[in-house]
Amino acid sequence: MKLILHTDGAARGNPGPAGIGIVIQDEAGTTLAELGEYIGETTNNVAEYRALLRALQEARRLGADSVGIRADSELLVRQVNGQYRVRHPNLVPLHAAVMAELKDFTSFSIAHVPRKENARADALANWALDQTKLAPGKLS
């Protein structure tokens, strides 16, 4: 089963309070799960990676054997595709964790999409940032 993962990370300040947003859909576009979660203080790029990691873990839990990833972070997409090297020390272990998670799938694709095509994941990440003393997010 192939699932489509829309992911977004957001930080207010860099670093600053950060949140992640995830939308998981089947190939027909039916939403299977959504998540908005506050992740503490970090950078936007770390939040982007944390969102992708969380989405991959949830996709595996839902039984996916293949994933199509959509993200509005050009840096994330190009690093996962191998077009950019990962140099920042905070991103190196996150990139390694993403690549390890991707090995659990028979296939994957990752594509950069404009923010408007990732609007729901963006809204969830920002919703998480708007919460005060937010408990961990929940998947629906």
N, C-alpha and C. Protein backbone atom coordinates (compact mmCIF):
# COMPACT_ATOMS: atom_id res chain seq x y z
N MET A 1 0.84 -1.18 0.00
CA MET A 1 0.00 0.00 0.00
C MET A 1 0.89 1.24 0.00
N LYS A 2 0.55 2.17 -0.87
CA LYS A 2 1.29 3.43 -0.95
C LYS A 2 0.50 4.53 -0.24
N LEU A 3 1.21 5.30 0.58
CA LEU A 3 0.61 6.44 1.25
C LEU A 3 1.33 7.72 0.83
N ILE A 4 0.58 8.81 0.83
CA ILE A 4 1.13 10.12 0.51
C ILE A 4 1.27 10.89 1.82
N LEU A 5 2.48 11.41 2.06
CA LEU A 5 2.78 12.11 3.30
C LEU A 5 3.04 13.58 3.01
N HIS A 6 2.24 14.45 3.58
CA HIS A 6 2.47 15.89 3.50
C HIS A 6 3.06 16.28 4.85
N THR A 7 4.25 16.88 4.84
CA THR A 7 4.91 17.23 6.10
C THR A 7 5.33 18.69 6.10
N ASP A 8 5.33 19.26 7.30
CA ASP A 8 5.81 20.64 7.44
C ASP A 8 6.32 20.84 8.86
N GLY A 9 7.36 21.62 8.97
CA GLY A 9 7.89 22.03 10.25
C GLY A 9 7.93 23.55 10.28
N ALA A 10 7.70 24.12 11.46
CA ALA A 10 7.69 25.57 11.58
C ALA A 10 8.35 25.97 12.89
N ALA A 11 9.08 27.06 12.85
CA ALA A 11 9.69 27.62 14.06
C ALA A 11 9.49 29.13 14.03
N ARG A 12 9.12 29.67 15.16
CA ARG A 12 8.98 31.13 15.28
C ARG A 12 10.22 31.64 15.97
N GLY A 13 11.11 32.19 15.15
CA GLY A 13 12.46 32.48 15.57
C GLY A 13 13.31 31.34 15.06
N ASN A 14 14.57 31.53 14.98
CA ASN A 14 15.40 30.47 14.41
C ASN A 14 16.72 30.38 15.17
N PRO A 15 16.77 29.72 16.32
CA PRO A 15 15.74 28.82 16.85
C PRO A 15 14.65 29.56 17.61
N GLY A 16 13.58 28.83 17.86
CA GLY A 16 12.45 29.34 18.61
C GLY A 16 11.45 28.23 18.81
N PRO A 17 10.29 28.55 19.36
CA PRO A 17 9.24 27.54 19.53
C PRO A 17 8.94 26.91 18.17
N ALA A 18 8.78 25.58 18.17
CA ALA A 18 8.63 24.87 16.90
C ALA A 18 7.49 23.86 16.97
N GLY A 19 6.92 23.61 15.81
CA GLY A 19 5.86 22.62 15.70
C GLY A 19 5.97 21.86 14.40
N ILE A 20 5.30 20.73 14.35
CA ILE A 20 5.27 19.92 13.13
C ILE A 20 3.82 19.68 12.72
N GLY A 21 3.62 19.52 11.42
CA GLY A 21 2.32 19.19 10.87
C GLY A 21 2.46 18.06 9.88
N ILE A 22 1.55 17.11 9.97
CA ILE A 22 1.60 15.92 9.11
C ILE A 22 0.19 15.60 8.64
N VAL A 23 0.06 15.29 7.36
CA VAL A 23 -1.18 14.78 6.79
C VAL A 23 -0.81 13.53 6.00
N ILE A 24 -1.48 12.43 6.30
CA ILE A 24 -1.24 11.16 5.60
C ILE A 24 -2.50 10.78 4.85
N GLN A 25 -2.34 10.54 3.54
CA GLN A 25 -3.47 10.21 2.68
C GLN A 25 -3.19 8.93 1.91
N ASP A 26 -4.28 8.27 1.49
CA ASP A 26 -4.10 7.16 0.57
C ASP A 26 -3.97 7.75 -0.84
N GLU A 27 -3.76 6.90 -1.82
CA GLU A 27 -3.54 7.40 -3.18
C GLU A 27 -4.76 8.08 -3.78
N ALA A 28 -5.94 7.80 -3.24
CA ALA A 28 -7.16 8.44 -3.72
C ALA A 28 -7.36 9.82 -3.11
N GLY A 29 -6.51 10.18 -2.14
CA GLY A 29 -6.61 11.49 -1.52
C GLY A 29 -7.41 11.51 -0.23
N THR A 30 -7.83 10.34 0.24
CA THR A 30 -8.56 10.26 1.51
C THR A 30 -7.58 10.42 2.66
N THR A 31 -7.87 11.35 3.56
CA THR A 31 -7.00 11.58 4.71
C THR A 31 -7.19 10.46 5.72
N LEU A 32 -6.07 9.82 6.07
CA LEU A 32 -6.08 8.72 7.03
C LEU A 32 -5.64 9.18 8.42
N ALA A 33 -4.79 10.20 8.47
CA ALA A 33 -4.29 10.68 9.76
C ALA A 33 -3.79 12.11 9.60
N GLU A 34 -3.91 12.86 10.68
CA GLU A 34 -3.37 14.22 10.76
C GLU A 34 -2.73 14.39 12.13
N LEU A 35 -1.70 15.23 12.17
CA LEU A 35 -1.01 15.49 13.43
C LEU A 35 -0.49 16.91 13.44
N GLY A 36 -0.71 17.60 14.53
CA GLY A 36 -0.07 18.87 14.81
C GLY A 36 0.54 18.74 16.19
N GLU A 37 1.84 18.98 16.29
CA GLU A 37 2.51 18.72 17.57
C GLU A 37 3.58 19.77 17.84
N TYR A 38 3.57 20.29 19.06
CA TYR A 38 4.62 21.20 19.51
C TYR A 38 5.85 20.36 19.85
N ILE A 39 7.03 20.77 19.40
CA ILE A 39 8.23 19.95 19.63
C ILE A 39 9.31 20.68 20.43
N GLY A 40 8.98 21.82 21.02
CA GLY A 40 9.96 22.55 21.82
C GLY A 40 10.66 23.61 21.02
N GLU A 41 11.82 24.02 21.51
CA GLU A 41 12.59 25.08 20.86
C GLU A 41 13.63 24.46 19.93
N THR A 42 13.58 24.85 18.68
CA THR A 42 14.55 24.36 17.71
C THR A 42 14.48 25.23 16.46
N THR A 43 15.20 24.85 15.43
CA THR A 43 15.21 25.60 14.18
C THR A 43 14.15 25.06 13.22
N ASN A 44 13.85 25.84 12.21
CA ASN A 44 12.90 25.43 11.20
C ASN A 44 13.36 24.15 10.49
N ASN A 45 14.64 24.07 10.14
CA ASN A 45 15.13 22.90 9.43
C ASN A 45 15.04 21.63 10.28
N VAL A 46 15.35 21.74 11.56
CA VAL A 46 15.20 20.58 12.46
C VAL A 46 13.73 20.18 12.51
N ALA A 47 12.83 21.16 12.60
CA ALA A 47 11.40 20.86 12.64
C ALA A 47 10.95 20.15 11.37
N GLU A 48 11.47 20.57 10.22
CA GLU A 48 11.12 19.90 8.96
C GLU A 48 11.52 18.42 9.00
N TYR A 49 12.72 18.14 9.48
CA TYR A 49 13.18 16.75 9.58
C TYR A 49 12.35 15.96 10.59
N ARG A 50 12.05 16.58 11.72
CA ARG A 50 11.27 15.89 12.75
C ARG A 50 9.87 15.56 12.24
N ALA A 51 9.29 16.45 11.43
CA ALA A 51 7.99 16.18 10.84
C ALA A 51 8.06 14.97 9.90
N LEU A 52 9.09 14.93 9.07
CA LEU A 52 9.24 13.82 8.15
C LEU A 52 9.46 12.50 8.89
N LEU A 53 10.30 12.52 9.90
CA LEU A 53 10.52 11.30 10.69
C LEU A 53 9.22 10.78 11.30
N ARG A 54 8.46 11.69 11.89
CA ARG A 54 7.19 11.30 12.53
C ARG A 54 6.23 10.74 11.49
N ALA A 55 6.17 11.35 10.32
CA ALA A 55 5.28 10.88 9.26
C ALA A 55 5.68 9.49 8.76
N LEU A 56 6.97 9.26 8.62
CA LEU A 56 7.44 7.94 8.16
C LEU A 56 7.10 6.85 9.18
N GLN A 57 7.27 7.16 10.45
CA GLN A 57 6.95 6.19 11.49
C GLN A 57 5.45 5.87 11.49
N GLU A 58 4.64 6.88 11.32
CA GLU A 58 3.19 6.67 11.29
C GLU A 58 2.77 5.92 10.03
N ALA A 59 3.39 6.21 8.90
CA ALA A 59 3.06 5.50 7.67
C ALA A 59 3.38 4.01 7.80
N ARG A 60 4.50 3.72 8.43
CA ARG A 60 4.85 2.31 8.65
C ARG A 60 3.82 1.65 9.56
N ARG A 61 3.40 2.37 10.62
CA ARG A 61 2.40 1.83 11.53
C ARG A 61 1.07 1.56 10.81
N LEU A 62 0.75 2.38 9.82
CA LEU A 62 -0.48 2.21 9.06
C LEU A 62 -0.37 1.12 8.00
N GLY A 63 0.81 0.54 7.84
CA GLY A 63 0.98 -0.57 6.92
C GLY A 63 1.49 -0.20 5.54
N ALA A 64 2.00 0.98 5.37
CA ALA A 64 2.51 1.39 4.05
C ALA A 64 3.76 0.60 3.70
N ASP A 65 3.88 0.23 2.43
CA ASP A 65 5.12 -0.35 1.95
C ASP A 65 5.84 0.60 1.01
N SER A 66 5.13 1.68 0.64
CA SER A 66 5.68 2.69 -0.26
C SER A 66 5.12 4.04 0.17
N VAL A 67 5.93 5.10 0.04
CA VAL A 67 5.46 6.43 0.41
C VAL A 67 5.85 7.46 -0.64
N GLY A 68 4.98 8.41 -0.83
CA GLY A 68 5.24 9.59 -1.64
C GLY A 68 5.24 10.78 -0.69
N ILE A 69 6.35 11.45 -0.58
CA ILE A 69 6.50 12.54 0.38
C ILE A 69 6.38 13.87 -0.34
N ARG A 70 5.60 14.77 0.24
CA ARG A 70 5.43 16.13 -0.28
C ARG A 70 5.83 17.10 0.84
N ALA A 71 6.78 17.96 0.57
CA ALA A 71 7.25 18.92 1.57
C ALA A 71 7.55 20.24 0.90
N ASP A 72 7.36 21.33 1.63
CA ASP A 72 7.65 22.65 1.06
C ASP A 72 9.05 23.14 1.44
N SER A 73 9.85 22.27 2.06
CA SER A 73 11.24 22.61 2.38
C SER A 73 12.15 22.10 1.27
N GLU A 74 12.63 23.04 0.47
CA GLU A 74 13.53 22.66 -0.63
C GLU A 74 14.81 22.02 -0.09
N LEU A 75 15.32 22.54 1.03
CA LEU A 75 16.53 21.97 1.63
C LEU A 75 16.32 20.50 2.00
N LEU A 76 15.24 20.22 2.71
CA LEU A 76 14.94 18.85 3.11
C LEU A 76 14.85 17.93 1.90
N VAL A 77 14.08 18.32 0.93
CA VAL A 77 13.87 17.50 -0.27
C VAL A 77 15.20 17.23 -0.98
N ARG A 78 15.99 18.26 -1.17
CA ARG A 78 17.25 18.09 -1.90
C ARG A 78 18.27 17.28 -1.09
N GLN A 79 18.25 17.40 0.23
CA GLN A 79 19.16 16.59 1.04
C GLN A 79 18.75 15.13 1.01
N VAL A 80 17.47 14.85 1.12
CA VAL A 80 17.00 13.45 1.09
C VAL A 80 17.25 12.84 -0.29
N ASN A 81 17.10 13.63 -1.34
CA ASN A 81 17.35 13.15 -2.70
C ASN A 81 18.85 13.03 -3.02
N GLY A 82 19.70 13.52 -2.14
CA GLY A 82 21.14 13.44 -2.37
C GLY A 82 21.70 14.56 -3.22
N GLN A 83 20.90 15.58 -3.51
CA GLN A 83 21.36 16.70 -4.33
C GLN A 83 22.20 17.69 -3.53
N TYR A 84 21.90 17.81 -2.23
CA TYR A 84 22.66 18.66 -1.32
C TYR A 84 23.30 17.81 -0.25
N ARG A 85 24.50 18.18 0.15
CA ARG A 85 25.15 17.52 1.27
C ARG A 85 24.56 18.04 2.57
N VAL A 86 24.58 17.20 3.58
CA VAL A 86 24.10 17.59 4.90
C VAL A 86 25.32 17.97 5.72
N ARG A 87 25.43 19.23 6.04
CA ARG A 87 26.63 19.71 6.73
C ARG A 87 26.36 20.19 8.15
N HIS A 88 25.17 20.68 8.40
CA HIS A 88 24.91 21.24 9.73
C HIS A 88 24.87 20.11 10.76
N PRO A 89 25.63 20.25 11.85
CA PRO A 89 25.71 19.17 12.84
C PRO A 89 24.36 18.77 13.45
N ASN A 90 23.40 19.68 13.52
CA ASN A 90 22.09 19.32 14.06
C ASN A 90 21.26 18.51 13.07
N LEU A 91 21.58 18.61 11.78
CA LEU A 91 20.81 17.90 10.76
C LEU A 91 21.40 16.55 10.40
N VAL A 92 22.68 16.35 10.63
CA VAL A 92 23.34 15.09 10.24
C VAL A 92 22.63 13.87 10.85
N PRO A 93 22.40 13.84 12.19
CA PRO A 93 21.74 12.65 12.74
C PRO A 93 20.28 12.53 12.31
N LEU A 94 19.61 13.64 12.08
CA LEU A 94 18.22 13.57 11.62
C LEU A 94 18.15 13.03 10.20
N HIS A 95 19.06 13.47 9.35
CA HIS A 95 19.11 12.96 7.98
C HIS A 95 19.39 11.46 8.00
N ALA A 96 20.33 11.04 8.83
CA ALA A 96 20.64 9.60 8.93
C ALA A 96 19.42 8.81 9.40
N ALA A 97 18.67 9.36 10.34
CA ALA A 97 17.47 8.68 10.84
C ALA A 97 16.40 8.58 9.75
N VAL A 98 16.22 9.64 8.97
CA VAL A 98 15.26 9.62 7.86
C VAL A 98 15.67 8.55 6.85
N MET A 99 16.94 8.53 6.48
CA MET A 99 17.39 7.56 5.48
C MET A 99 17.22 6.13 5.99
N ALA A 100 17.44 5.91 7.28
CA ALA A 100 17.24 4.58 7.87
C ALA A 100 15.75 4.21 7.83
N GLU A 101 14.88 5.14 8.14
CA GLU A 101 13.43 4.87 8.08
C GLU A 101 13.00 4.55 6.65
N LEU A 102 13.55 5.27 5.69
CA LEU A 102 13.15 5.05 4.29
C LEU A 102 13.53 3.66 3.80
N LYS A 103 14.56 3.05 4.39
CA LYS A 103 14.97 1.70 3.98
C LYS A 103 13.92 0.65 4.32
N ASP A 104 13.00 0.99 5.23
CA ASP A 104 11.93 0.06 5.59
C ASP A 104 10.84 -0.01 4.53
N PHE A 105 10.87 0.88 3.55
CA PHE A 105 9.85 0.90 2.51
C PHE A 105 10.44 0.33 1.22
N THR A 106 9.59 -0.33 0.43
CA THR A 106 10.07 -0.89 -0.83
C THR A 106 10.42 0.20 -1.83
N SER A 107 9.73 1.34 -1.72
CA SER A 107 10.03 2.47 -2.59
C SER A 107 9.54 3.75 -1.92
N PHE A 108 10.16 4.85 -2.35
CA PHE A 108 9.72 6.16 -1.88
C PHE A 108 10.03 7.19 -2.95
N SER A 109 9.30 8.28 -2.89
CA SER A 109 9.62 9.45 -3.69
C SER A 109 9.44 10.65 -2.77
N ILE A 110 10.16 11.70 -3.06
CA ILE A 110 10.03 12.93 -2.29
C ILE A 110 10.05 14.09 -3.27
N ALA A 111 9.11 15.00 -3.09
CA ALA A 111 9.01 16.13 -4.02
C ALA A 111 8.78 17.42 -3.25
N HIS A 112 9.39 18.49 -3.77
CA HIS A 112 9.15 19.82 -3.24
C HIS A 112 7.84 20.33 -3.82
N VAL A 113 6.97 20.84 -2.96
CA VAL A 113 5.71 21.41 -3.41
C VAL A 113 5.60 22.83 -2.87
N PRO A 114 4.90 23.70 -3.57
CA PRO A 114 4.68 25.05 -3.04
C PRO A 114 3.88 24.98 -1.73
N ARG A 115 4.07 25.98 -0.90
CA ARG A 115 3.38 26.02 0.40
C ARG A 115 1.87 25.86 0.24
N LYS A 116 1.28 26.43 -0.80
CA LYS A 116 -0.18 26.33 -0.97
C LYS A 116 -0.62 24.89 -1.21
N GLU A 117 0.26 24.04 -1.74
CA GLU A 117 -0.09 22.63 -1.93
C GLU A 117 0.18 21.81 -0.67
N ASN A 118 0.72 22.46 0.33
CA ASN A 118 1.02 21.80 1.60
C ASN A 118 0.29 22.53 2.73
N ALA A 119 -0.80 23.19 2.39
CA ALA A 119 -1.48 24.11 3.31
C ALA A 119 -1.97 23.44 4.58
N ARG A 120 -2.50 22.23 4.49
CA ARG A 120 -3.04 21.60 5.70
C ARG A 120 -1.92 21.24 6.67
N ALA A 121 -0.81 20.69 6.18
CA ALA A 121 0.32 20.37 7.06
C ALA A 121 0.88 21.65 7.68
N ASP A 122 0.96 22.71 6.89
CA ASP A 122 1.42 24.00 7.39
C ASP A 122 0.48 24.52 8.48
N ALA A 123 -0.82 24.40 8.26
CA ALA A 123 -1.79 24.86 9.25
C ALA A 123 -1.66 24.07 10.55
N LEU A 124 -1.43 22.77 10.45
CA LEU A 124 -1.27 21.94 11.65
C LEU A 124 -0.01 22.31 12.42
N ALA A 125 1.08 22.58 11.72
CA ALA A 125 2.32 22.99 12.39
C ALA A 125 2.12 24.33 13.10
N ASN A 126 1.43 25.24 12.46
CA ASN A 126 1.18 26.55 13.07
C ASN A 126 0.15 26.46 14.19
N TRP A 127 -0.84 25.58 14.05
CA TRP A 127 -1.79 25.34 15.14
C TRP A 127 -1.03 24.89 16.38
N ALA A 128 -0.10 23.97 16.20
CA ALA A 128 0.69 23.47 17.34
C ALA A 128 1.45 24.60 18.02
N LEU A 129 1.95 25.53 17.23
CA LEU A 129 2.68 26.67 17.79
C LEU A 129 1.76 27.63 18.55
N ASP A 130 0.50 27.67 18.16
CA ASP A 130 -0.45 28.57 18.81
C ASP A 130 -0.96 28.05 20.14
N GLN A 131 -0.73 26.78 20.43
CA GLN A 131 -1.20 26.20 21.68
C GLN A 131 -0.26 26.59 22.83
N THR A 132 -0.79 26.73 24.00
CA THR A 132 0.04 27.00 25.16
C THR A 132 0.10 25.75 26.01
N LYS A 133 1.32 25.41 26.39
CA LYS A 133 1.56 24.20 27.19
C LYS A 133 0.84 23.01 26.56
N LEU A 134 1.08 22.86 25.27
CA LEU A 134 0.42 21.82 24.48
C LEU A 134 0.87 20.45 24.91
N ALA A 135 -0.06 19.57 25.15
CA ALA A 135 0.25 18.16 25.36
C ALA A 135 0.62 17.58 24.01
N PRO A 136 1.30 16.44 23.97
CA PRO A 136 1.64 15.84 22.68
C PRO A 136 0.42 15.74 21.77
N GLY A 137 0.66 15.98 20.49
CA GLY A 137 -0.43 15.94 19.51
C GLY A 137 -1.01 14.56 19.38
N LYS A 138 -2.14 14.48 18.70
CA LYS A 138 -2.75 13.17 18.51
C LYS A 138 -3.08 12.99 17.06
N LEU A 139 -3.06 11.76 16.63
CA LEU A 139 -3.43 11.43 15.27
C LEU A 139 -4.90 11.09 15.24
N SER A 140 -5.58 11.53 14.21
CA SER A 140 -7.00 11.22 14.10
C SER A 140 -7.20 10.00 13.23
